[in-house]
Structure formats: structure tokens, C-alpha cells
Protein backbone atom coordinates (compact mmCIF):
# COMPACT_ATOMS: atom_id res chain seq x y z
CA MET A 1 117.78 96.97 77.99
CA ASN A 2 117.18 100.21 76.01
CA ASP A 3 116.31 103.33 77.37
CA GLU A 4 112.63 102.99 76.14
CA MET A 5 112.53 99.85 77.30
CA ILE A 6 113.39 101.28 80.80
CA GLU A 7 111.30 104.18 80.72
CA ALA A 8 107.94 102.46 79.52
CA PHE A 9 108.67 99.98 82.16
CA LEU A 10 108.51 102.61 84.84
CA GLN A 11 105.74 104.00 83.41
CA GLU A 12 104.02 101.97 83.58
CA MET A 13 104.88 100.58 87.49
CA ARG A 14 103.71 103.91 88.31
CA GLU A 15 100.48 103.60 86.58
CA ASN A 16 99.69 99.84 88.30
CA HIS A 17 101.09 100.56 91.65
CA GLN A 18 101.52 104.47 92.27
CA GLU A 19 99.33 104.11 95.19
CA ASP A 20 100.86 101.64 96.96
CA ILE A 21 104.40 103.07 95.69
CA ASP A 22 103.31 106.38 97.47
CA SER A 23 102.43 104.31 100.90
CA VAL A 24 106.07 103.56 101.24
CA THR A 25 107.58 105.93 104.02
CA LEU A 26 111.28 106.52 103.50
CA PRO A 27 113.65 107.15 106.62
CA GLU A 28 113.99 110.81 107.16
CA GLY A 29 116.78 112.98 104.52
CA THR A 30 116.58 110.28 102.45
CA GLU A 31 115.05 112.55 99.05
CA GLU A 32 117.81 115.16 100.33
CA TYR A 33 120.98 112.34 100.31
CA VAL A 34 119.47 110.73 97.11
CA ARG A 35 119.59 114.28 95.66
CA LEU A 36 122.87 114.86 97.02
CA LYS A 37 124.58 112.31 95.59
CA ALA A 38 122.29 113.15 91.76
CA GLU A 39 123.93 116.35 91.66
CA ALA A 40 127.10 115.15 92.98
CA GLY A 41 126.81 112.93 90.23
CA ASP A 42 127.74 109.34 92.19
CA ILE A 43 125.53 107.14 89.99
CA GLU A 44 127.77 104.28 92.14
CA THR A 45 125.97 104.99 95.38
CA LEU A 46 122.51 105.81 93.40
CA LEU A 47 122.65 102.14 91.33
CA PHE A 48 123.67 100.55 94.68
CA MET A 49 121.14 101.06 96.06
CA LEU A 50 118.67 100.60 93.51
CA ARG A 51 120.19 97.11 93.48
CA LEU A 52 119.56 96.50 97.35
CA GLY A 53 116.66 97.31 96.79
CA TYR A 54 116.18 94.92 93.88
CA LEU A 55 117.65 92.04 95.99
CA MET A 56 115.40 92.84 98.83
CA GLY A 57 112.22 92.37 96.93
CA LEU A 58 113.34 89.13 94.93
CA GLN A 59 113.93 87.96 98.40
CA SER A 60 111.18 89.09 99.81
CA GLY A 61 109.13 87.03 97.01
CA PHE A 62 110.79 84.21 97.16
CA ALA A 63 110.17 84.50 100.80
CA ALA A 64 106.00 84.95 100.08
CA GLY A 65 106.48 81.85 97.38
CA GLN A 66 107.61 79.55 99.77
CA SER A 67 105.37 80.35 102.10
CA GLY A 68 102.68 79.74 99.22
CA GLU A 69 103.77 76.60 98.82
CA GLU A 70 103.06 75.22 102.13
CA PHE A 71 99.81 76.89 101.81
CA ASN A 72 99.45 75.20 98.45
CA THR A 73 99.56 71.66 99.84
CA ILE A 74 96.76 72.45 101.10
CA THR A 75 94.37 73.84 98.30
CA LEU A 76 94.81 77.17 99.05
CA PRO A 77 96.44 79.75 96.78
CA GLY A 78 99.92 81.15 97.09
CA PRO A 79 101.14 84.11 96.66
CA LEU A 80 102.47 85.97 92.61
CA GLN A 81 106.09 85.31 92.79
CA ALA A 82 108.58 87.36 91.41
């Protein structure tokens, strides 16, 4: 992925999911922690945080898909899968 594709993806996610994203409450001090890491150039920690969030999202999507499979056997639609 190049920079333009990443920026386009992020912009699309903002446009489509801003309300959901804004409703997420992060632990107190998270913004300051991220700002300090960014100012210190600690890209390794920031990338770890992104990967962790991505992995957790994949696991949640997988679990939702698995539970949806149970419901599909009785003809109810399951959740969207990642």
C-alpha cells in the first residue's frame, strides 16, 4: 500500500464510522501517552499498538462470524465478517 491508499482508506473509515469511533472511550492518559511516544519518535511502540488493535479486531470479527454460523443454521442472518 502506498501513502495515498492508506490516507484514502483512513478517510473512508472516518466518513463511514466517525460516530462509532468517537464513542470509544480510551483509558485516561492514552492521548498524552501516544503524543509522548510520537514526539519521542517511538514508532515501534505506536506500530505495536496498531497491530494489537488490528489483531483484537480480527479476533472479534472471527468470533462474531462463528456465532453467526450457529444462527445461519436456523436461517437467521449472521454478522458481517472481516
